[in-house]
Amino acid sequence: MTPIVAIIMIAHLVCAVGLIVFVLLHSGKGTGLSQMLGGMMPSTGSGTGIIERNLDRITIAFAVGFAATSVLLMIVYRPA
């Protein structure tokens, strides 16, 4: 295994774990960690609080990273 493949695999693992964690942090029907942490925060016009929007952005970033590392691994990784 080349060093570039090892780096991509580590990034892929970090993205996978991060994606799992941040998807589980999302609230469902007004419950969850984001509601507990953002209970005192004012919500915007769409009803989504500041913490929910930031959780959405972080989750999307991890999803894009996961997809990018998946494609890179398909291109670069050649098993022996």
N, C-alpha and C. Protein backbone atom coordinates (compact mmCIF):
# COMPACT_ATOMS: atom_id res chain seq x y z
N MET A 1 0.85 -1.16 0.00
CA MET A 1 0.00 0.00 0.00
C MET A 1 0.91 1.24 0.00
N THR A 2 0.60 2.13 -0.89
CA THR A 2 1.40 3.35 -1.00
C THR A 2 0.99 4.35 0.07
N PRO A 3 1.86 5.30 0.37
CA PRO A 3 1.51 6.30 1.40
C PRO A 3 0.28 7.13 1.04
N ILE A 4 0.08 7.44 -0.23
CA ILE A 4 -1.08 8.24 -0.63
C ILE A 4 -2.38 7.48 -0.39
N VAL A 5 -2.35 6.18 -0.61
CA VAL A 5 -3.54 5.36 -0.36
C VAL A 5 -3.84 5.31 1.14
N ALA A 6 -2.78 5.21 1.95
CA ALA A 6 -2.96 5.19 3.40
C ALA A 6 -3.56 6.52 3.89
N ILE A 7 -3.10 7.63 3.36
CA ILE A 7 -3.63 8.94 3.75
C ILE A 7 -5.09 9.07 3.35
N ILE A 8 -5.42 8.62 2.14
CA ILE A 8 -6.81 8.69 1.68
C ILE A 8 -7.71 7.79 2.53
N MET A 9 -7.20 6.61 2.90
CA MET A 9 -7.99 5.70 3.74
C MET A 9 -8.23 6.29 5.13
N ILE A 10 -7.23 6.96 5.69
CA ILE A 10 -7.41 7.60 6.99
C ILE A 10 -8.45 8.72 6.89
N ALA A 11 -8.36 9.53 5.84
CA ALA A 11 -9.35 10.60 5.63
C ALA A 11 -10.75 10.01 5.43
N HIS A 12 -10.83 8.90 4.72
CA HIS A 12 -12.10 8.22 4.49
C HIS A 12 -12.70 7.74 5.82
N LEU A 13 -11.87 7.18 6.68
CA LEU A 13 -12.32 6.71 7.98
C LEU A 13 -12.80 7.87 8.85
N VAL A 14 -12.06 8.97 8.85
CA VAL A 14 -12.46 10.15 9.63
C VAL A 14 -13.80 10.69 9.12
N CYS A 15 -13.96 10.76 7.81
CA CYS A 15 -15.22 11.24 7.24
C CYS A 15 -16.38 10.31 7.58
N ALA A 16 -16.13 9.00 7.55
CA ALA A 16 -17.20 8.04 7.86
C ALA A 16 -17.66 8.18 9.30
N VAL A 17 -16.71 8.24 10.23
CA VAL A 17 -17.06 8.37 11.65
C VAL A 17 -17.73 9.72 11.90
N GLY A 18 -17.19 10.78 11.32
CA GLY A 18 -17.78 12.11 11.49
C GLY A 18 -19.19 12.18 10.94
N LEU A 19 -19.41 11.54 9.80
CA LEU A 19 -20.74 11.53 9.21
C LEU A 19 -21.74 10.81 10.11
N ILE A 20 -21.33 9.69 10.68
CA ILE A 20 -22.21 8.96 11.60
C ILE A 20 -22.55 9.81 12.82
N VAL A 21 -21.53 10.43 13.40
CA VAL A 21 -21.74 11.23 14.61
C VAL A 21 -22.67 12.41 14.34
N PHE A 22 -22.42 13.14 13.25
CA PHE A 22 -23.21 14.34 13.02
C PHE A 22 -24.62 14.03 12.52
N VAL A 23 -24.82 12.90 11.88
CA VAL A 23 -26.19 12.51 11.53
C VAL A 23 -26.96 12.17 12.80
N LEU A 24 -26.29 11.49 13.73
CA LEU A 24 -26.97 11.15 14.98
C LEU A 24 -27.23 12.36 15.87
N LEU A 25 -26.48 13.44 15.70
CA LEU A 25 -26.70 14.65 16.49
C LEU A 25 -27.93 15.43 16.04
N HIS A 26 -28.39 15.19 14.81
CA HIS A 26 -29.56 15.91 14.32
C HIS A 26 -30.79 15.53 15.13
N SER A 27 -31.65 16.51 15.29
CA SER A 27 -32.85 16.26 16.07
C SER A 27 -33.95 15.74 15.15
N GLY A 28 -34.84 15.00 15.75
CA GLY A 28 -36.00 14.53 15.03
C GLY A 28 -37.25 15.01 15.75
N LYS A 29 -38.04 15.85 15.15
CA LYS A 29 -39.28 16.36 15.73
C LYS A 29 -39.04 17.14 17.03
N GLY A 30 -38.00 17.98 17.04
CA GLY A 30 -37.78 18.85 18.17
C GLY A 30 -37.08 18.22 19.36
N THR A 31 -36.52 17.03 19.19
CA THR A 31 -35.78 16.40 20.27
C THR A 31 -34.37 16.14 19.81
N GLY A 32 -33.51 15.86 20.73
CA GLY A 32 -32.15 15.53 20.37
C GLY A 32 -31.16 16.52 20.96
N LEU A 33 -29.90 16.26 20.70
CA LEU A 33 -28.85 17.08 21.28
C LEU A 33 -28.88 18.50 20.77
N SER A 34 -29.21 18.69 19.50
CA SER A 34 -29.22 20.05 18.97
C SER A 34 -30.31 20.89 19.64
N GLN A 35 -31.44 20.31 19.98
CA GLN A 35 -32.50 21.03 20.66
C GLN A 35 -32.10 21.33 22.10
N MET A 36 -31.41 20.38 22.73
CA MET A 36 -30.98 20.59 24.10
C MET A 36 -29.96 21.72 24.19
N LEU A 37 -29.00 21.74 23.26
CA LEU A 37 -27.97 22.76 23.27
C LEU A 37 -28.49 24.10 22.79
N GLY A 38 -29.44 24.08 21.88
CA GLY A 38 -29.92 25.33 21.30
C GLY A 38 -31.28 25.75 21.79
N GLY A 39 -31.69 25.27 22.93
CA GLY A 39 -33.02 25.60 23.44
C GLY A 39 -33.21 27.08 23.71
N MET A 40 -32.16 27.75 24.10
CA MET A 40 -32.26 29.17 24.43
C MET A 40 -31.91 30.07 23.25
N MET A 41 -31.45 29.48 22.15
CA MET A 41 -31.06 30.26 20.99
C MET A 41 -32.30 30.66 20.20
N PRO A 42 -32.35 31.88 19.71
CA PRO A 42 -33.50 32.27 18.88
C PRO A 42 -33.46 31.56 17.53
N SER A 43 -34.61 31.22 17.02
CA SER A 43 -34.66 30.55 15.73
C SER A 43 -34.91 31.57 14.62
N THR A 44 -34.50 31.20 13.43
CA THR A 44 -34.66 32.09 12.29
C THR A 44 -36.07 31.97 11.74
N GLY A 45 -36.37 32.67 10.65
CA GLY A 45 -37.70 32.68 10.07
C GLY A 45 -38.15 31.32 9.57
N SER A 46 -37.21 30.47 9.18
CA SER A 46 -37.59 29.15 8.67
C SER A 46 -37.83 28.15 9.78
N GLY A 47 -37.59 28.54 11.03
CA GLY A 47 -37.81 27.63 12.14
C GLY A 47 -36.59 26.81 12.49
N THR A 48 -35.52 26.94 11.74
CA THR A 48 -34.32 26.19 12.01
C THR A 48 -33.37 27.07 12.80
N GLY A 49 -32.90 26.56 13.92
CA GLY A 49 -32.01 27.33 14.78
C GLY A 49 -30.61 27.41 14.21
N ILE A 50 -29.81 28.21 14.86
CA ILE A 50 -28.43 28.40 14.42
C ILE A 50 -27.65 27.10 14.53
N ILE A 51 -27.87 26.36 15.60
CA ILE A 51 -27.14 25.10 15.78
C ILE A 51 -27.55 24.09 14.73
N GLU A 52 -28.83 24.02 14.40
CA GLU A 52 -29.30 23.10 13.36
C GLU A 52 -28.66 23.43 12.01
N ARG A 53 -28.58 24.71 11.68
CA ARG A 53 -27.96 25.09 10.41
C ARG A 53 -26.49 24.70 10.38
N ASN A 54 -25.79 24.92 11.49
CA ASN A 54 -24.39 24.53 11.54
C ASN A 54 -24.22 23.03 11.49
N LEU A 55 -25.10 22.28 12.14
CA LEU A 55 -25.06 20.82 12.04
C LEU A 55 -25.29 20.37 10.60
N ASP A 56 -26.21 21.03 9.91
CA ASP A 56 -26.45 20.71 8.51
C ASP A 56 -25.19 20.93 7.67
N ARG A 57 -24.54 22.07 7.88
CA ARG A 57 -23.34 22.39 7.10
C ARG A 57 -22.21 21.40 7.37
N ILE A 58 -22.01 21.07 8.64
CA ILE A 58 -20.95 20.12 8.99
C ILE A 58 -21.25 18.74 8.41
N THR A 59 -22.51 18.31 8.50
CA THR A 59 -22.90 17.01 7.95
C THR A 59 -22.69 16.97 6.44
N ILE A 60 -23.05 18.03 5.76
CA ILE A 60 -22.84 18.08 4.31
C ILE A 60 -21.36 18.04 3.98
N ALA A 61 -20.53 18.73 4.76
CA ALA A 61 -19.09 18.72 4.52
C ALA A 61 -18.52 17.31 4.69
N PHE A 62 -18.95 16.60 5.73
CA PHE A 62 -18.49 15.22 5.91
C PHE A 62 -18.99 14.31 4.79
N ALA A 63 -20.22 14.52 4.32
CA ALA A 63 -20.75 13.70 3.23
C ALA A 63 -19.98 13.93 1.93
N VAL A 64 -19.65 15.18 1.65
CA VAL A 64 -18.87 15.49 0.44
C VAL A 64 -17.47 14.90 0.56
N GLY A 65 -16.87 15.01 1.74
CA GLY A 65 -15.55 14.42 1.96
C GLY A 65 -15.58 12.91 1.81
N PHE A 66 -16.63 12.28 2.32
CA PHE A 66 -16.77 10.83 2.21
C PHE A 66 -16.91 10.41 0.74
N ALA A 67 -17.72 11.14 -0.01
CA ALA A 67 -17.89 10.82 -1.43
C ALA A 67 -16.59 11.03 -2.20
N ALA A 68 -15.89 12.12 -1.91
CA ALA A 68 -14.64 12.41 -2.61
C ALA A 68 -13.58 11.36 -2.32
N THR A 69 -13.46 10.96 -1.05
CA THR A 69 -12.46 9.94 -0.73
C THR A 69 -12.86 8.57 -1.30
N SER A 70 -14.15 8.32 -1.42
CA SER A 70 -14.60 7.06 -2.05
C SER A 70 -14.16 7.02 -3.51
N VAL A 71 -14.37 8.12 -4.21
CA VAL A 71 -13.98 8.17 -5.62
C VAL A 71 -12.46 8.08 -5.76
N LEU A 72 -11.74 8.79 -4.91
CA LEU A 72 -10.28 8.73 -4.95
C LEU A 72 -9.76 7.32 -4.67
N LEU A 73 -10.36 6.63 -3.73
CA LEU A 73 -9.95 5.25 -3.46
C LEU A 73 -10.24 4.33 -4.62
N MET A 74 -11.34 4.56 -5.31
CA MET A 74 -11.64 3.74 -6.51
C MET A 74 -10.59 3.95 -7.59
N ILE A 75 -10.09 5.17 -7.70
CA ILE A 75 -9.11 5.49 -8.74
C ILE A 75 -7.71 5.02 -8.36
N VAL A 76 -7.32 5.26 -7.10
CA VAL A 76 -5.92 5.08 -6.69
C VAL A 76 -5.63 3.68 -6.19
N TYR A 77 -6.53 3.07 -5.45
CA TYR A 77 -6.25 1.81 -4.78
C TYR A 77 -6.23 0.64 -5.75
N ARG A 78 -5.14 -0.08 -5.76
CA ARG A 78 -5.00 -1.30 -6.56
C ARG A 78 -4.52 -2.41 -5.65
N PRO A 79 -5.40 -3.35 -5.27
CA PRO A 79 -4.96 -4.43 -4.37
C PRO A 79 -3.94 -5.34 -5.06
N ALA A 80 -3.05 -5.88 -4.23
CA ALA A 80 -1.97 -6.73 -4.77
C ALA A 80 -2.43 -8.13 -5.04
